[in-house]
Amino acid sequence: MGSEQAIKELLEARQQIDEIDCKLIEVLDERFHLTRQIGLLKAAERLSSLDSTREAEKLAKLRSLCLGTSLNPDFIQELFSQIMKEVVKNHEIMKR
């Protein structure tokens, strides 16, 4: 990959990846803002931080969204499981 054209294409692709990463951070921040609102409501109403049924349904839906894409459903499930664990942890902190 020594050609100037290949290097240019690599740099352009990396720039696009950097831009997508910024968008992902923005969307995650928006998502966590909403889950904070839910956490405050759950804390005020003394509701459980964990909704296993909702979590299972959400993970199944996310897996189905991978159909027809290049995404590995197992990876997406693990990624969102981690996000959900962080949300539950944050909700537990709010309860204290």
Protein backbone atom coordinates (compact mmCIF):
# COMPACT_ATOMS: atom_id res chain seq x y z
CA MET A 1 0.00 0.00 0.00
CA GLY A 2 2.67 2.42 -0.99
CA SER A 3 0.83 4.28 -3.71
CA GLU A 4 -0.26 7.82 -3.07
CA GLN A 5 -3.82 6.98 -4.10
CA ALA A 6 -4.04 4.12 -1.60
CA ILE A 7 -2.69 6.33 1.18
CA LYS A 8 -5.19 9.04 0.25
CA GLU A 9 -8.08 6.53 0.34
CA LEU A 10 -6.89 5.19 3.69
CA LEU A 11 -6.77 8.67 5.19
CA GLU A 12 -10.21 9.52 3.82
CA ALA A 13 -11.70 6.31 5.22
CA ARG A 14 -10.10 6.97 8.60
CA GLN A 15 -11.49 10.51 8.60
CA GLN A 16 -14.97 9.13 7.94
CA ILE A 17 -14.52 6.64 10.78
CA ASP A 18 -13.48 9.48 13.10
CA GLU A 19 -16.61 11.41 12.15
CA ILE A 20 -18.84 8.37 12.74
CA ASP A 21 -17.17 7.80 16.12
CA CYS A 22 -18.03 11.38 17.12
CA LYS A 23 -21.64 10.80 16.08
CA LEU A 24 -21.76 7.56 18.07
CA ILE A 25 -20.55 9.41 21.17
CA GLU A 26 -23.19 12.10 20.65
CA VAL A 27 -25.96 9.51 20.25
CA LEU A 28 -24.77 7.56 23.31
CA ASP A 29 -24.73 10.78 25.31
CA GLU A 30 -28.31 11.45 24.21
CA ARG A 31 -29.31 7.89 25.12
CA PHE A 32 -27.72 8.15 28.56
CA HIS A 33 -29.43 11.49 29.15
CA LEU A 34 -32.78 9.78 28.57
CA THR A 35 -31.87 6.81 30.76
CA ARG A 36 -30.91 9.28 33.49
CA GLN A 37 -34.42 10.72 33.33
CA ILE A 38 -35.82 7.19 33.61
CA GLY A 39 -33.49 6.49 36.53
CA LEU A 40 -34.70 9.56 38.38
CA LEU A 41 -38.31 8.51 37.84
CA LYS A 42 -37.57 4.95 38.98
CA ALA A 43 -35.78 6.25 42.06
CA ALA A 44 -38.64 8.60 42.94
CA GLU A 45 -41.20 5.82 42.53
CA ARG A 46 -38.97 3.19 44.18
CA LEU A 47 -39.06 1.02 41.07
CA SER A 48 -36.48 -1.64 40.30
CA SER A 49 -33.43 -0.47 38.38
CA LEU A 50 -33.48 -3.65 36.33
CA ASP A 51 -36.33 -4.61 34.02
CA SER A 52 -35.28 -8.07 32.81
CA THR A 53 -38.27 -8.44 30.50
CA ARG A 54 -37.61 -5.10 28.79
CA GLU A 55 -33.91 -5.90 28.51
CA ALA A 56 -34.55 -9.31 26.90
CA GLU A 57 -37.08 -7.83 24.48
CA LYS A 58 -34.71 -4.99 23.58
CA LEU A 59 -31.78 -7.35 22.95
CA ALA A 60 -33.95 -9.59 20.75
CA LYS A 61 -35.10 -6.55 18.76
CA LEU A 62 -31.53 -5.32 18.34
CA ARG A 63 -30.44 -8.76 17.15
CA SER A 64 -33.25 -8.76 14.57
CA LEU A 65 -32.14 -5.33 13.34
CA CYS A 66 -28.83 -6.93 12.36
CA LEU A 67 -30.53 -9.08 9.73
CA GLY A 68 -29.57 -7.86 6.30
CA THR A 69 -26.57 -5.96 7.63
CA SER A 70 -22.91 -6.83 7.99
CA LEU A 71 -23.22 -6.65 11.79
CA ASN A 72 -22.71 -9.70 13.98
CA PRO A 73 -25.81 -10.07 16.20
CA ASP A 74 -23.69 -11.57 19.00
CA PHE A 75 -21.45 -8.50 18.98
CA ILE A 76 -24.44 -6.14 19.01
CA GLN A 77 -26.00 -8.07 21.88
CA GLU A 78 -22.77 -7.89 23.89
CA LEU A 79 -22.34 -4.19 23.14
CA PHE A 80 -25.86 -3.31 24.24
CA SER A 81 -25.67 -5.64 27.24
CA GLN A 82 -22.70 -3.56 28.40
CA ILE A 83 -24.61 -0.33 27.80
CA MET A 84 -27.59 -1.67 29.76
CA LYS A 85 -25.36 -2.79 32.63
CA GLU A 86 -23.98 0.74 32.84
CA VAL A 87 -27.52 2.16 32.87
CA VAL A 88 -28.58 -0.16 35.70
CA LYS A 89 -25.43 0.75 37.63
CA ASN A 90 -26.24 4.45 37.19
CA HIS A 91 -29.84 3.86 38.32
CA GLU A 92 -28.60 2.09 41.45
CA ILE A 93 -26.35 5.07 42.24
CA MET A 94 -29.34 7.42 41.85
CA LYS A 95 -31.33 5.39 44.36
CA ARG A 96 -28.78 5.99 47.11
